[in-house]
């Protein structure tokens, strides 16, 4: 189905609208997905609600305290490599 194809739906007596399956699948909107409804001059816009509020690094910097000596870049690289190998061995990568 092309993005320009016109689809129709009906508003129920409860104000419910069924979105066409092709659109739900393309947007990955499963049952229970919360949508933001925005009225525009051209109609109504539906957007999936974000799971988390947008944040900036300065909003969360230092939230997880680490006690101990700082890790070196080599230690961090080694830990990442070990985890990748572990996941690859389990078939999860």
C-alpha atoms as a PDB file:
ATOM      1  CA  UNK A   1       0.000   0.000   0.000  1.00  0.00           C
ATOM      2  CA  UNK A   2       1.410   3.390  -0.930  1.00  0.00           C
ATOM      3  CA  UNK A   3       1.453   6.321   1.494  1.00  0.00           C
ATOM      4  CA  UNK A   4      -0.867   8.229  -0.830  1.00  0.00           C
ATOM      5  CA  UNK A   5      -3.625   5.616  -0.940  1.00  0.00           C
ATOM      6  CA  UNK A   6      -6.791   6.928   0.731  1.00  0.00           C
ATOM      7  CA  UNK A   7      -8.173   4.781   3.504  1.00  0.00           C
ATOM      8  CA  UNK A   8     -11.403   5.320   5.373  1.00  0.00           C
ATOM      9  CA  UNK A   9     -12.692   4.393   8.792  1.00  0.00           C
ATOM     10  CA  UNK A  10     -15.777   5.176  10.871  1.00  0.00           C
ATOM     11  CA  UNK A  11     -16.188   6.896  14.236  1.00  0.00           C
ATOM     12  CA  UNK A  12     -18.233   4.668  16.551  1.00  0.00           C
ATOM     13  CA  UNK A  13     -20.956   5.883  18.903  1.00  0.00           C
ATOM     14  CA  UNK A  14     -18.289   5.736  21.638  1.00  0.00           C
ATOM     15  CA  UNK A  15     -15.964   7.984  19.618  1.00  0.00           C
ATOM     16  CA  UNK A  16     -13.640   5.124  18.738  1.00  0.00           C
ATOM     17  CA  UNK A  17     -11.786   4.893  15.438  1.00  0.00           C
ATOM     18  CA  UNK A  18     -10.164   1.760  14.059  1.00  0.00           C
ATOM     19  CA  UNK A  19      -6.881   2.459  12.327  1.00  0.00           C
ATOM     20  CA  UNK A  20      -6.208   0.325   9.248  1.00  0.00           C
ATOM     21  CA  UNK A  21      -3.973  -2.676   9.937  1.00  0.00           C
ATOM     22  CA  UNK A  22      -1.392  -1.623   7.330  1.00  0.00           C
ATOM     23  CA  UNK A  23      -0.849   1.695   9.132  1.00  0.00           C
ATOM     24  CA  UNK A  24      -0.652   0.069  12.574  1.00  0.00           C
ATOM     25  CA  UNK A  25       1.902  -2.442  11.291  1.00  0.00           C
ATOM     26  CA  UNK A  26       3.982   0.191   9.503  1.00  0.00           C
ATOM     27  CA  UNK A  27       4.037   2.331  12.675  1.00  0.00           C
ATOM     28  CA  UNK A  28       4.549  -0.683  14.985  1.00  0.00           C
ATOM     29  CA  UNK A  29       1.487   0.368  16.990  1.00  0.00           C
ATOM     30  CA  UNK A  30       0.383  -2.654  19.002  1.00  0.00           C
ATOM     31  CA  UNK A  31      -2.792  -2.872  21.068  1.00  0.00           C
ATOM     32  CA  UNK A  32      -2.403  -0.562  24.040  1.00  0.00           C
ATOM     33  CA  UNK A  33      -0.113   1.934  22.296  1.00  0.00           C
ATOM     34  CA  UNK A  34      -0.850   5.400  23.672  1.00  0.00           C
ATOM     35  CA  UNK A  35      -1.346   8.051  21.009  1.00  0.00           C
ATOM     36  CA  UNK A  36      -1.160  11.817  21.301  1.00  0.00           C
ATOM     37  CA  UNK A  37      -4.011  13.542  19.490  1.00  0.00           C
ATOM     38  CA  UNK A  38      -3.288  16.958  18.029  1.00  0.00           C
ATOM     39  CA  UNK A  39      -5.803  19.092  16.184  1.00  0.00           C
ATOM     40  CA  UNK A  40      -4.280  20.944  13.237  1.00  0.00           C
ATOM     41  CA  UNK A  41      -5.686  23.302  10.615  1.00  0.00           C
ATOM     42  CA  UNK A  42      -5.645  20.381   8.148  1.00  0.00           C
ATOM     43  CA  UNK A  43      -7.233  17.775  10.404  1.00  0.00           C
ATOM     44  CA  UNK A  44      -6.181  15.554  13.278  1.00  0.00           C
ATOM     45  CA  UNK A  45      -2.649  14.269  13.811  1.00  0.00           C
ATOM     46  CA  UNK A  46      -1.915  11.061  15.751  1.00  0.00           C
ATOM     47  CA  UNK A  47       1.552  10.423  17.198  1.00  0.00           C
ATOM     48  CA  UNK A  48       2.747   7.629  19.443  1.00  0.00           C
ATOM     49  CA  UNK A  49       3.383   8.902  22.953  1.00  0.00           C
ATOM     50  CA  UNK A  50       7.026   8.646  24.007  1.00  0.00           C
ATOM     51  CA  UNK A  51       7.747   6.056  26.651  1.00  0.00           C
ATOM     52  CA  UNK A  52      10.114   8.425  28.410  1.00  0.00           C
ATOM     53  CA  UNK A  53      10.238  12.193  28.541  1.00  0.00           C
ATOM     54  CA  UNK A  54      13.088  13.668  26.497  1.00  0.00           C
ATOM     55  CA  UNK A  55      16.123  14.402  28.636  1.00  0.00           C
ATOM     56  CA  UNK A  56      19.387  16.247  28.237  1.00  0.00           C
ATOM     57  CA  UNK A  57      22.712  14.849  29.461  1.00  0.00           C
ATOM     58  CA  UNK A  58      22.941  17.585  32.093  1.00  0.00           C
ATOM     59  CA  UNK A  59      19.544  16.470  33.460  1.00  0.00           C
ATOM     60  CA  UNK A  60      20.805  12.976  34.265  1.00  0.00           C
ATOM     61  CA  UNK A  61      24.573  13.357  34.651  1.00  0.00           C
ATOM     62  CA  UNK A  62      25.716  11.810  37.899  1.00  0.00           C
ATOM     63  CA  UNK A  63      22.406  10.070  38.632  1.00  0.00           C
ATOM     64  CA  UNK A  64      24.069   6.691  39.066  1.00  0.00           C
ATOM     65  CA  UNK A  65      26.824   7.060  41.577  1.00  0.00           C
ATOM     66  CA  UNK A  66      29.844   4.819  41.198  1.00  0.00           C
ATOM     67  CA  UNK A  67      31.986   4.004  44.195  1.00  0.00           C
ATOM     68  CA  UNK A  68      35.468   2.814  43.477  1.00  0.00           C
ATOM     69  CA  UNK A  69      38.396   3.838  41.380  1.00  0.00           C
ATOM     70  CA  UNK A  70      37.677   5.114  37.873  1.00  0.00           C
ATOM     71  CA  UNK A  71      37.895   2.495  35.115  1.00  0.00           C
ATOM     72  CA  UNK A  72      40.522   2.925  32.419  1.00  0.00           C
ATOM     73  CA  UNK A  73      39.561   2.990  28.753  1.00  0.00           C
ATOM     74  CA  UNK A  74      41.236  -0.415  28.344  1.00  0.00           C
ATOM     75  CA  UNK A  75      39.148  -1.877  31.199  1.00  0.00           C
ATOM     76  CA  UNK A  76      35.959  -0.496  29.627  1.00  0.00           C
ATOM     77  CA  UNK A  77      36.904  -1.838  26.174  1.00  0.00           C
ATOM     78  CA  UNK A  78      37.763  -5.247  27.666  1.00  0.00           C
ATOM     79  CA  UNK A  79      34.425  -5.394  29.521  1.00  0.00           C
ATOM     80  CA  UNK A  80      32.496  -4.514  26.345  1.00  0.00           C
ATOM     81  CA  UNK A  81      34.408  -7.134  24.342  1.00  0.00           C
ATOM     82  CA  UNK A  82      33.730  -9.779  27.005  1.00  0.00           C
ATOM     83  CA  UNK A  83      29.999  -8.996  27.004  1.00  0.00           C
ATOM     84  CA  UNK A  84      29.794  -9.124  23.199  1.00  0.00           C
ATOM     85  CA  UNK A  85      31.531 -12.510  23.230  1.00  0.00           C
ATOM     86  CA  UNK A  86      29.197 -13.758  25.976  1.00  0.00           C
ATOM     87  CA  UNK A  87      26.087 -12.676  24.062  1.00  0.00           C
ATOM     88  CA  UNK A  88      27.412 -14.038  20.778  1.00  0.00           C
ATOM     89  CA  UNK A  89      28.054 -17.407  22.407  1.00  0.00           C
ATOM     90  CA  UNK A  90      24.416 -17.442  23.584  1.00  0.00           C
ATOM     91  CA  UNK A  91      23.136 -16.426  20.147  1.00  0.00           C
ATOM     92  CA  UNK A  92      22.035 -12.948  21.347  1.00  0.00           C
ATOM     93  CA  UNK A  93      23.740 -10.080  19.593  1.00  0.00           C
END
